[in-house]
Amino acid sequence: MHTPKGSVHQFSNPHEEVARALVVLTPGIGAQYFPDVAAITNAGDGADRARLGAVMFRYGLLPAQPQ
């Protein structure tokens, strides 16, 4: 998969089995981004969009606006 800078994209796994991906970011945003997002999404109370947005902003990313 190639995602050009600024393009809208997402990842999901609608299946019961664990999915794994090798992600190469160039230039990198920092490996800590993914554990930071995982901590929010795996908290058990649903993904808090405000907290996810704050993490994205900290790494220079912007959430896509709903269409």
Protein backbone atom coordinates (compact mmCIF):
# COMPACT_ATOMS: atom_id res chain seq x y z
CA MET A 1 0.00 0.00 0.00
CA HIS A 2 1.22 3.49 -0.81
CA THR A 3 -0.51 6.44 0.81
CA PRO A 4 0.51 9.82 -0.62
CA LYS A 5 1.03 12.62 1.91
CA GLY A 6 -2.24 14.33 2.74
CA SER A 7 -4.48 11.51 1.50
CA VAL A 8 -7.29 10.14 3.65
CA HIS A 9 -6.82 6.53 4.73
CA GLN A 10 -7.56 4.12 7.55
CA PHE A 11 -6.90 0.58 8.69
CA SER A 12 -9.39 -1.89 10.10
CA ASN A 13 -9.70 -5.57 10.84
CA PRO A 14 -13.33 -6.74 10.77
CA HIS A 15 -12.32 -10.34 11.50
CA GLU A 16 -11.91 -12.34 14.70
CA GLU A 17 -8.25 -13.18 14.07
CA VAL A 18 -5.42 -10.80 14.90
CA ALA A 19 -4.10 -8.89 11.90
CA ARG A 20 -0.54 -7.64 11.73
CA ALA A 21 1.00 -5.08 9.42
CA LEU A 22 4.49 -3.84 8.78
CA VAL A 23 4.25 -0.08 8.35
CA VAL A 24 7.13 1.94 6.97
CA LEU A 25 6.77 5.69 7.34
CA THR A 26 9.09 7.95 5.46
CA PRO A 27 9.75 10.46 6.70
CA GLY A 28 8.84 8.85 10.02
CA ILE A 29 6.47 10.39 12.54
CA GLY A 30 7.92 8.36 15.41
CA ALA A 31 7.36 4.78 16.45
CA GLN A 32 5.58 5.86 19.64
CA TYR A 33 2.55 7.08 17.64
CA PHE A 34 1.10 3.59 17.25
CA PRO A 35 1.38 2.58 20.94
CA ASP A 36 -0.17 5.94 21.86
CA VAL A 37 -3.14 5.27 19.57
CA ALA A 38 -3.40 1.65 20.76
CA ALA A 39 -3.59 2.77 24.39
CA ILE A 40 -6.69 4.82 23.55
CA THR A 41 -8.40 2.33 21.26
CA ASN A 42 -7.73 -0.63 23.57
CA ALA A 43 -8.91 1.15 26.74
CA GLY A 44 -12.18 -0.81 26.65
CA ASP A 45 -14.45 2.21 26.68
CA GLY A 46 -14.46 2.83 22.93
CA ALA A 47 -12.21 5.10 20.95
CA ASP A 48 -12.31 8.62 22.35
CA ARG A 49 -12.16 10.82 19.25
CA ALA A 50 -10.97 13.87 21.18
CA ARG A 51 -8.05 11.95 22.70
CA LEU A 52 -7.23 10.32 19.34
CA GLY A 53 -7.29 13.76 17.69
CA ALA A 54 -4.92 15.12 20.34
CA VAL A 55 -2.47 12.27 19.70
CA MET A 56 -2.67 12.82 15.94
CA PHE A 57 -2.09 16.56 16.36
CA ARG A 58 0.95 15.88 18.57
CA TYR A 59 2.48 13.90 15.68
CA GLY A 60 1.57 16.45 13.01
CA LEU A 61 -1.44 14.55 11.65
CA LEU A 62 -5.00 15.74 11.07
CA PRO A 63 -8.10 13.56 11.35
CA ALA A 64 -10.24 13.44 8.23
CA GLN A 65 -13.48 15.37 8.42
CA PRO A 66 -16.70 13.32 8.02
CA GLN A 67 -18.27 13.65 4.60
